[in-house]
């Protein structure tokens, strides 16, 4: 028996260039926080910065015009 429910799909769009660059910049800062010797970045935490970078990139992919 075929399914009669409508199929809901995610319509993914490529992120805008500024959104992509912000996420890459945050990922590089996260790498510096973990592997670099910068005491200012140790308090923030590399995982938190990397999570923020991923969320920015995810929102740029899921939402149109961002």
Protein backbone atom coordinates (compact mmCIF):
# COMPACT_ATOMS: atom_id res chain seq x y z
CA UNK A 1 0.00 0.00 0.00
CA UNK A 2 1.58 3.31 -1.02
CA UNK A 3 2.05 6.06 1.50
CA UNK A 4 -0.37 8.94 0.94
CA UNK A 5 1.28 11.48 3.23
CA UNK A 6 3.13 14.33 1.57
CA UNK A 7 6.88 14.05 1.75
CA UNK A 8 8.51 16.92 3.59
CA UNK A 9 11.93 17.73 2.29
CA UNK A 10 14.67 20.01 3.43
CA UNK A 11 15.53 22.53 0.79
CA UNK A 12 19.18 23.25 1.43
CA UNK A 13 20.81 26.31 -0.02
CA UNK A 14 24.49 27.15 -0.13
CA UNK A 15 25.45 29.67 2.55
CA UNK A 16 26.39 33.17 1.52
CA UNK A 17 30.08 33.96 1.30
CA UNK A 18 30.15 36.13 4.46
CA UNK A 19 28.39 33.39 6.45
CA UNK A 20 30.87 30.80 5.25
CA UNK A 21 33.85 33.05 6.01
CA UNK A 22 32.56 33.78 9.53
CA UNK A 23 32.20 30.08 10.25
CA UNK A 24 35.70 29.33 8.91
CA UNK A 25 37.15 32.19 10.95
CA UNK A 26 35.47 30.87 14.10
CA UNK A 27 36.79 27.38 13.39
CA UNK A 28 40.34 28.73 13.02
CA UNK A 29 39.98 30.64 16.30
CA UNK A 30 38.78 27.40 17.91
CA UNK A 31 41.92 25.64 16.67
CA UNK A 32 44.03 28.42 18.10
CA UNK A 33 42.17 28.14 21.40
CA UNK A 34 42.98 24.45 21.67
CA UNK A 35 46.46 24.21 20.16
CA UNK A 36 47.75 27.76 20.40
CA UNK A 37 49.33 29.35 23.42
CA UNK A 38 46.92 32.23 23.83
CA UNK A 39 45.68 32.61 27.42
CA UNK A 40 42.77 34.82 26.29
CA UNK A 41 41.31 31.98 24.20
CA UNK A 42 41.65 29.27 26.84
CA UNK A 43 38.81 30.75 28.89
CA UNK A 44 36.38 30.58 25.96
CA UNK A 45 37.03 26.96 25.07
CA UNK A 46 37.69 25.44 21.68
CA UNK A 47 34.64 23.22 21.68
CA UNK A 48 32.31 26.16 22.32
CA UNK A 49 33.81 28.15 19.46
CA UNK A 50 33.67 25.18 17.12
CA UNK A 51 30.03 24.60 18.07
CA UNK A 52 29.20 28.24 17.33
CA UNK A 53 30.98 27.97 13.95
CA UNK A 54 28.97 24.85 13.08
CA UNK A 55 25.67 26.47 14.09
CA UNK A 56 26.45 29.52 11.95
CA UNK A 57 27.20 27.29 8.97
CA UNK A 58 24.09 25.16 9.64
CA UNK A 59 21.84 28.21 9.77
CA UNK A 60 23.41 29.52 6.58
CA UNK A 61 22.56 26.22 4.88
CA UNK A 62 19.04 25.75 6.22
CA UNK A 63 17.75 29.31 5.99
CA UNK A 64 17.54 31.15 2.70
CA UNK A 65 19.26 34.48 2.31
CA UNK A 66 21.68 34.10 5.22
